[in-house]
Protein backbone atom coordinates (compact mmCIF):
# COMPACT_ATOMS: atom_id res chain seq x y z
CA MET A 1 0.00 0.00 0.00
CA ALA A 2 1.32 3.45 -0.87
CA GLU A 3 2.39 5.60 2.08
CA ARG A 4 1.94 9.33 2.63
CA ARG A 5 2.95 11.55 5.51
CA ASN A 6 1.10 14.33 7.35
CA ILE A 7 -2.41 12.85 7.01
CA GLU A 8 -4.46 12.45 10.18
CA LYS A 9 -5.48 8.84 10.73
CA ILE A 10 -9.26 8.38 10.60
CA SER A 11 -10.46 5.99 13.31
CA GLU A 12 -12.25 2.85 12.22
CA ALA A 13 -15.99 3.22 12.77
CA ASP A 14 -17.81 0.77 15.08
CA PHE A 15 -20.37 -0.13 12.42
CA VAL A 16 -17.74 -2.04 10.43
CA GLN A 17 -18.41 -4.99 12.76
CA CYS A 18 -21.79 -5.41 11.03
CA ASN A 19 -22.36 -7.40 7.84
CA ASP A 20 -21.47 -6.14 4.36
CA LEU A 21 -24.87 -6.27 2.67
CA ALA A 22 -23.51 -5.41 -0.79
CA SER A 23 -20.60 -7.85 -1.13
CA ASP A 24 -20.59 -10.11 -4.16
CA ALA A 25 -20.14 -12.96 -1.66
CA VAL A 26 -23.77 -12.46 -0.57
CA GLY A 27 -25.16 -11.75 -4.03
CA GLY A 28 -24.62 -8.01 -4.36
CA LYS A 29 -24.32 -6.78 -7.95
CA ILE A 30 -24.08 -3.70 -10.12
CA ILE A 31 -27.13 -3.19 -12.33
CA PHE A 32 -26.08 0.07 -14.00
CA ALA A 33 -23.00 2.23 -14.45
CA THR A 34 -22.59 5.33 -16.58
CA ASP A 35 -18.98 4.54 -17.51
CA GLU A 36 -16.45 1.78 -16.83
CA TRP A 37 -13.57 2.75 -19.10
CA PHE A 38 -10.56 1.93 -16.94
CA ALA A 39 -12.11 -0.55 -14.49
CA PRO A 40 -15.62 -2.03 -14.08
CA ALA A 41 -17.99 -1.05 -11.30
CA ALA A 42 -18.39 -4.71 -10.29
CA ASN A 43 -14.99 -4.44 -8.60
CA LEU A 44 -16.60 -2.22 -5.94
CA LEU A 45 -18.33 -5.24 -4.44
CA LYS A 46 -15.45 -7.71 -4.37
CA ARG A 47 -15.01 -9.38 -1.01
CA GLU A 48 -11.22 -9.41 -1.35
CA GLN A 49 -9.15 -6.41 -0.36
CA PRO A 50 -7.95 -4.18 -3.24
CA GLN A 51 -4.55 -4.84 -4.73
CA PHE A 52 -2.16 -2.87 -6.92
CA ILE A 53 0.00 -4.29 -9.69
CA ALA A 54 2.35 -1.62 -11.02
CA SER A 55 3.03 -3.38 -14.31
CA ALA A 56 -0.60 -4.24 -15.13
CA PHE A 57 -2.16 -2.42 -18.08
CA THR A 58 -5.07 -3.13 -20.41
CA GLU A 59 -5.73 -1.81 -23.90
CA PHE A 60 -7.77 0.96 -22.21
CA GLY A 61 -5.06 2.10 -19.79
CA LYS A 62 -3.80 1.31 -16.30
CA TRP A 63 -5.45 -1.73 -14.70
CA MET A 64 -7.00 -0.79 -11.38
CA ASP A 65 -8.72 -2.98 -8.81
CA GLY A 66 -11.82 -0.84 -8.39
CA TRP A 67 -14.27 1.22 -10.43
CA GLU A 68 -12.64 3.91 -12.54
CA THR A 69 -14.27 6.03 -15.21
CA ARG A 70 -12.64 7.99 -18.02
CA ARG A 71 -11.74 11.66 -17.57
CA LYS A 72 -15.13 13.22 -18.21
CA ARG A 73 -15.34 15.71 -21.08
CA THR A 74 -19.13 15.99 -21.26
CA PRO A 75 -21.74 17.53 -18.90
CA GLY A 76 -22.81 15.58 -15.83
CA HIS A 77 -21.12 13.15 -13.46
CA ASP A 78 -20.65 9.39 -13.17
CA TRP A 79 -22.82 7.10 -11.07
CA CYS A 80 -23.83 3.49 -10.65
CA ILE A 81 -26.61 1.50 -9.03
CA VAL A 82 -25.95 -1.34 -6.57
CA GLN A 83 -28.47 -4.07 -5.83
CA LEU A 84 -27.83 -5.32 -2.30
CA GLY A 85 -27.30 -9.04 -1.89
CA VAL A 86 -29.09 -8.86 1.46
CA PRO A 87 -31.79 -6.17 1.84
CA GLY A 88 -31.76 -4.60 5.26
CA LEU A 89 -30.98 -1.70 7.55
CA VAL A 90 -27.81 0.25 6.72
CA PHE A 91 -25.73 1.72 9.54
CA GLY A 92 -22.71 2.96 7.64
CA PHE A 93 -20.49 2.97 4.55
CA ASP A 94 -16.79 2.62 3.86
CA VAL A 95 -15.94 4.23 0.53
CA ASP A 96 -12.46 2.80 0.03
CA THR A 97 -10.14 4.63 -2.39
CA SER A 98 -7.15 2.28 -1.93
CA PHE A 99 -4.41 2.87 -4.54
CA PHE A 100 -6.40 5.61 -6.27
CA THR A 101 -3.99 8.38 -5.33
CA GLY A 102 -3.94 10.66 -8.38
CA ASN A 103 -7.18 9.42 -9.87
CA TYR A 104 -9.66 9.05 -7.01
CA ALA A 105 -13.14 10.57 -7.15
CA PRO A 106 -12.92 13.85 -5.20
CA HIS A 107 -16.53 13.77 -3.95
CA VAL A 108 -19.28 11.20 -3.45
CA SER A 109 -22.92 10.98 -2.44
CA ILE A 110 -25.12 7.94 -1.78
CA GLN A 111 -28.85 7.56 -2.28
CA ALA A 112 -31.09 4.63 -1.31
CA ALA A 113 -34.38 3.01 -2.22
CA CYS A 114 -36.49 0.00 -1.25
CA LEU A 115 -37.72 -1.62 -4.46
CA GLU A 116 -39.81 -4.69 -3.71
CA THR A 117 -40.45 -5.50 -7.39
CA PRO A 118 -37.50 -7.50 -8.81
CA LEU A 119 -35.56 -5.75 -11.57
CA ASP A 120 -35.00 -7.63 -14.81
CA PHE A 121 -31.69 -6.09 -15.82
CA CYS A 122 -28.09 -6.29 -14.68
CA LEU A 123 -24.59 -5.92 -16.07
CA GLU A 124 -22.70 -9.06 -17.05
CA GLY A 125 -19.21 -9.93 -18.23
CA ASP A 126 -16.09 -7.78 -18.28
CA ARG A 127 -17.26 -4.20 -18.76
CA THR A 128 -13.81 -2.63 -18.97
CA GLY A 129 -13.73 0.00 -21.72
CA MET A 130 -17.52 0.28 -21.86
CA ALA A 131 -20.15 2.91 -21.12
CA ALA A 132 -23.91 2.62 -20.60
CA SER A 133 -25.81 1.85 -23.80
CA ASP A 134 -28.97 3.62 -24.95
CA SER A 135 -31.08 0.65 -23.86
CA GLU A 136 -29.44 0.61 -20.42
CA TRP A 137 -30.12 4.33 -20.03
CA ALA A 138 -33.75 3.82 -21.03
CA ALA A 139 -34.19 1.02 -18.49
CA VAL A 140 -32.56 2.83 -15.57
CA GLU A 141 -34.45 6.08 -16.16
CA LYS A 142 -37.65 4.27 -15.15
CA LEU A 143 -36.25 3.94 -11.63
CA ASN A 144 -36.10 7.72 -11.10
CA SER A 145 -32.98 7.11 -9.02
CA HIS A 146 -32.11 10.81 -8.99
CA ALA A 147 -35.03 11.24 -6.55
CA TRP A 148 -34.05 8.45 -4.15
CA LEU A 149 -33.49 9.22 -0.48
CA GLU A 150 -30.09 10.77 0.18
CA LEU A 151 -28.20 8.90 2.89
CA VAL A 152 -24.82 10.57 2.34
CA PRO A 153 -24.83 14.15 1.01
CA VAL A 154 -22.12 15.28 -1.37
CA SER A 155 -18.96 14.71 0.67
CA PRO A 156 -15.23 14.90 -0.01
CA LEU A 157 -13.14 11.74 -0.32
CA GLN A 158 -9.53 11.28 0.70
CA PRO A 159 -6.90 9.76 -1.61
CA GLY A 160 -6.07 6.08 -1.58
CA TYR A 161 -2.98 6.09 0.61
CA SER A 162 -2.86 3.57 3.45
CA ASP A 163 -3.49 6.26 6.07
CA SER A 164 -6.42 7.94 4.32
CA CYS A 165 -8.14 5.45 1.99
CA HIS A 166 -11.06 4.50 4.26
CA ASN A 167 -13.82 7.11 4.08
CA TYR A 168 -16.46 6.26 6.71
CA PHE A 169 -20.01 7.60 6.69
CA ARG A 170 -22.44 6.79 9.50
CA VAL A 171 -26.12 6.64 8.51
CA HIS A 172 -29.44 5.28 9.79
CA SER A 173 -31.80 3.89 7.21
CA ALA A 174 -35.07 2.06 6.90
CA ARG A 175 -35.07 -1.10 4.76
CA VAL A 176 -32.86 -0.69 1.69
CA THR A 177 -32.63 -2.87 -1.43
CA HIS A 178 -30.75 -0.59 -3.86
CA LEU A 179 -28.17 2.19 -3.69
CA ARG A 180 -27.11 4.88 -6.13
CA ILE A 181 -23.42 5.81 -5.81
CA ASN A 182 -22.63 9.24 -7.28
CA MET A 183 -19.03 10.27 -7.90
CA PHE A 184 -18.38 13.92 -8.68
CA PRO A 185 -17.44 14.35 -11.38
CA ASP A 186 -15.45 11.21 -12.29
CA GLY A 187 -12.48 9.13 -11.14
CA GLY A 188 -11.99 5.94 -9.16
CA ILE A 189 -13.18 4.12 -6.04
CA ALA A 190 -11.68 0.78 -5.01
CA ARG A 191 -14.37 -0.75 -2.79
CA LEU A 192 -17.80 0.02 -1.36
CA ARG A 193 -18.68 -1.63 1.95
CA VAL A 194 -22.31 -1.33 3.03
CA TYR A 195 -22.47 -2.23 6.71
CA GLY A 196 -25.78 -3.15 8.27
CA VAL A 197 -28.15 -5.93 9.29
CA GLY A 198 -30.33 -8.02 7.02
CA GLU A 199 -34.09 -7.78 7.42
CA ARG A 200 -36.69 -10.36 6.47
CA ASP A 201 -40.46 -10.63 6.84
CA TRP A 202 -40.86 -12.92 9.84
CA LEU A 203 -44.65 -12.58 9.79
CA SER A 204 -44.72 -14.68 6.64
CA GLU A 205 -42.95 -17.60 8.33
CA ALA A 206 -45.11 -20.64 8.98
CA ALA A 207 -45.34 -21.85 12.56
CA GLN A 208 -42.72 -24.47 13.46
CA GLN A 209 -40.79 -23.84 10.23
CA GLU A 210 -37.09 -24.28 10.91
CA VAL A 211 -34.80 -21.44 9.88
CA ASP A 212 -31.21 -20.52 10.61
CA LEU A 213 -31.82 -17.88 13.27
CA VAL A 214 -28.28 -16.49 13.17
CA ALA A 215 -27.77 -16.40 9.38
CA LEU A 216 -26.67 -13.14 7.84
CA THR A 217 -29.58 -13.32 5.39
CA ASN A 218 -32.04 -13.66 8.28
CA GLY A 219 -30.75 -10.65 10.20
CA GLY A 220 -28.10 -12.26 12.39
CA VAL A 221 -25.16 -10.06 13.34
CA CYS A 222 -21.92 -10.35 15.29
CA LEU A 223 -21.98 -7.98 18.27
CA GLY A 224 -18.49 -8.57 19.65
CA PHE A 225 -15.51 -10.92 19.81
CA SER A 226 -12.25 -11.46 21.63
CA ASP A 227 -9.93 -11.89 18.64
CA ALA A 228 -10.18 -11.84 14.84
CA HIS A 229 -6.54 -11.87 13.82
CA PHE A 230 -6.94 -13.96 10.66
CA GLY A 231 -10.70 -13.82 9.99
CA HIS A 232 -13.77 -12.01 11.34
CA PRO A 233 -16.38 -14.11 13.20
CA ARG A 234 -19.17 -12.63 11.05
CA ASN A 235 -17.86 -14.90 8.30
CA MET A 236 -19.36 -17.85 10.19
CA ILE A 237 -22.92 -16.69 9.45
CA GLY A 238 -22.28 -16.18 5.72
CA LEU A 239 -23.94 -17.95 2.82
CA GLY A 240 -23.38 -21.58 1.91
CA VAL A 241 -20.23 -23.57 2.59
CA ALA A 242 -17.01 -21.70 3.35
CA SER A 243 -14.73 -21.42 0.32
CA SER A 244 -11.48 -21.43 2.32
CA MET A 245 -10.03 -20.60 5.74
CA ALA A 246 -10.27 -16.93 4.78
CA ASP A 247 -14.05 -17.37 4.69
CA GLY A 248 -14.26 -18.28 8.37
CA TRP A 249 -13.33 -17.04 11.84
CA GLU A 250 -9.74 -17.61 12.90
CA THR A 251 -7.93 -16.24 15.92
CA ALA A 252 -4.26 -15.79 16.67
CA ARG A 253 -2.53 -18.51 18.69
CA ARG A 254 -2.93 -17.73 22.37
CA LEU A 255 0.38 -16.94 24.03
CA ASP A 256 -0.77 -18.23 27.42
CA ARG A 257 -0.88 -21.87 26.31
CA PRO A 258 0.85 -24.27 28.72
CA HIS A 259 4.35 -25.40 27.74
CA LYS A 260 3.05 -28.96 27.76
CA LEU A 261 -0.57 -29.69 26.93
CA GLN A 262 -2.59 -32.14 29.02
CA LEU A 263 -6.07 -33.66 28.73
CA ASP A 264 -8.75 -33.99 31.37
CA GLN A 265 -10.67 -37.22 32.01
CA GLU A 266 -13.04 -36.46 29.13
CA GLY A 267 -10.20 -35.87 26.67
CA VAL A 268 -10.51 -32.08 26.60
CA LEU A 269 -7.34 -29.99 26.55
CA GLN A 270 -6.61 -28.21 29.82
CA VAL A 271 -5.94 -24.59 28.89
CA SER A 272 -6.42 -21.39 30.82
CA GLY A 273 -7.73 -19.22 28.03
CA SER A 274 -10.32 -19.20 25.29
CA GLU A 275 -11.73 -16.98 22.52
CA TRP A 276 -15.35 -15.97 21.98
CA ALA A 277 -17.81 -14.33 19.61
CA VAL A 278 -21.32 -13.08 20.41
CA PHE A 279 -24.19 -13.02 17.91
CA ARG A 280 -27.69 -11.58 17.96
CA PHE A 281 -30.33 -13.57 16.11
CA GLY A 282 -32.44 -12.04 13.40
CA HIS A 283 -35.40 -13.20 15.47
CA LYS A 284 -35.62 -14.85 18.86
CA GLY A 285 -36.64 -18.47 18.70
CA VAL A 286 -36.46 -21.97 20.15
CA ILE A 287 -33.34 -23.82 18.98
CA SER A 288 -33.67 -27.35 17.68
CA HIS A 289 -30.11 -28.11 16.54
CA ILE A 290 -26.76 -26.45 15.93
CA GLU A 291 -24.01 -26.96 13.37
CA ILE A 292 -20.39 -25.94 13.98
CA ASP A 293 -18.32 -26.49 10.86
CA THR A 294 -14.50 -26.49 10.99
CA ARG A 295 -14.17 -27.15 7.26
CA HIS A 296 -10.74 -26.11 5.86
CA PHE A 297 -9.30 -25.78 9.38
CA LYS A 298 -7.27 -28.99 9.23
CA GLY A 299 -4.26 -28.09 11.36
CA ASN A 300 -5.76 -25.20 13.28
CA ALA A 301 -9.25 -26.18 14.44
CA PRO A 302 -10.18 -25.47 18.08
CA ASP A 303 -9.92 -28.39 20.49
CA SER A 304 -13.35 -27.80 22.02
CA CYS A 305 -16.21 -25.34 22.24
CA ILE A 306 -19.03 -24.19 24.48
CA LEU A 307 -22.21 -22.42 23.38
CA GLU A 308 -24.02 -20.04 25.70
CA ALA A 309 -27.42 -18.49 25.01
CA CYS A 310 -29.58 -15.80 26.56
CA LEU A 311 -32.81 -13.91 25.98
CA LEU A 312 -32.41 -10.15 25.76
CA THR A 313 -30.51 -9.44 28.96
CA PRO A 314 -27.09 -10.63 30.14
CA GLU A 315 -28.69 -11.62 33.49
CA GLU A 316 -30.69 -14.32 31.72
CA GLU A 317 -27.64 -15.79 30.07
CA ALA A 318 -27.33 -19.56 30.46
CA GLN A 319 -24.89 -22.18 29.27
CA PHE A 320 -26.65 -23.93 26.39
CA LEU A 321 -24.25 -26.59 25.09
CA PRO A 322 -21.86 -28.36 27.49
CA THR A 323 -18.22 -28.63 26.48
CA ARG A 324 -17.82 -30.58 23.25
CA ARG A 325 -14.68 -31.71 21.45
CA LEU A 326 -14.18 -30.42 17.92
CA ARG A 327 -12.49 -32.19 15.02
CA PRO A 328 -10.52 -30.55 12.21
CA HIS A 329 -12.21 -30.00 8.84
CA TYR A 330 -15.53 -31.42 10.03
CA SER A 331 -19.18 -30.44 10.33
CA HIS A 332 -20.35 -30.99 13.91
CA VAL A 333 -24.12 -31.22 14.40
CA PHE A 334 -25.56 -31.04 17.90
CA LEU A 335 -29.17 -32.22 18.05
CA GLU A 336 -31.89 -31.06 20.40
CA ALA A 337 -31.34 -34.00 22.74
CA GLU A 338 -27.78 -32.83 23.40
CA LEU A 339 -28.79 -29.24 24.17
CA ARG A 340 -29.69 -28.23 27.66
CA PRO A 341 -33.40 -27.34 27.92
CA HIS A 342 -34.06 -23.68 27.27
CA ASP A 343 -36.90 -21.47 26.16
CA ALA A 344 -36.67 -18.93 23.38
CA VAL A 345 -33.32 -17.13 23.06
CA SER A 346 -32.17 -14.07 21.15
CA HIS A 347 -28.35 -14.15 21.54
CA ILE A 348 -25.69 -16.82 21.47
CA ARG A 349 -22.00 -16.89 22.36
CA LEU A 350 -19.58 -19.38 20.85
CA VAL A 351 -16.52 -20.04 23.02
CA ILE A 352 -13.60 -21.97 21.52
CA ALA A 353 -10.58 -23.31 23.38
CA PRO A 354 -7.81 -22.60 23.26
CA ASP A 355 -7.90 -20.83 19.87
CA GLY A 356 -8.17 -21.68 16.15
CA GLY A 357 -10.74 -21.43 13.39
CA VAL A 358 -14.39 -22.19 12.61
CA SER A 359 -15.82 -21.76 9.14
CA ARG A 360 -19.58 -21.77 9.77
CA LEU A 361 -22.05 -21.55 12.64
CA ARG A 362 -25.68 -22.53 12.00
CA VAL A 363 -28.36 -22.24 14.68
CA TRP A 364 -31.56 -23.89 13.53
CA GLY A 365 -34.84 -23.25 15.27
CA SER A 366 -38.38 -21.95 14.96
CA ALA A 367 -39.48 -18.34 15.25
CA HIS A 368 -43.05 -18.70 16.47
CA GLN A 369 -45.54 -15.92 15.84
CA GLN A 370 -46.07 -15.47 19.57
CA LEU A 371 -42.34 -14.80 19.89
CA LEU A 372 -42.34 -11.80 17.56
CA MET A 373 -40.26 -8.98 19.00
């Protein structure tokens, strides 16, 4: 990452612990962009961190890992529309200009809408060197996106040096399905992170229907954790099966491990420390079974885990799953008979010992109508 002196470090905002509702990993996509000459707008939603390759060029100019438009020579400004992968409440944005140092967009604004009718158009393939076609303009004009609610007013951006590339904007929104990102007048943005919590219609759920109460798509969110050195615990509530260790939660190795490890009578490692992550469900419910998947963590899975659950207040917290051994690269399913009896819960804490990685956490249960919050 390029370095620059004499720039005040902007503190990381607390809302970045929430889920990225626009990431391509959860189905986010670009459905319109005015111009994508140097680099396509789809790059904005990549899960991976931006990179810079000094020697990389295309027939259209310097290759950049972000969205970059041509130097505008006509009236107007550039903009694109993002369809969120997970509709929900937005708490903040990170407009990341990494590596765009002499070509970043100087100003940005963000508008939002909740469109319940599915849209039948999107951008596909490599759009480098392209601009919106007449048919694309005709389709997008029907959305009247210029009149959408403004979440972020026209605001300056900082250049993409390591000490200034993250531009945080705190907002509070109702349900959002689509965003319009306006850059003024042109330039480049590396990534757009849309931090919030998914929202679904729980009233439409049939009684006794089992759902994953902690899933990102169902409104689950990580509220806190002890360590996320190699991977954030929110990854555990992501979609589908983890693609690699990077798609899970992994902590650093604890430095307080005994010099020589010993087992107790039940075969559990005797260690003094542990790591934890707390999640709030999208809806409180009665848990029927739990899955803890250590897939991909073959030499660095935790030795054991405990699950604790509570309803609303810390005072009501109760240990929900007694200590259980964990195996590397394995999906562990704990059925209702193994869980200690408990009524409806709204939060859960996964404790792993002594450290290591977990790729997915699934908490299956029913959100009864009488349990609606």
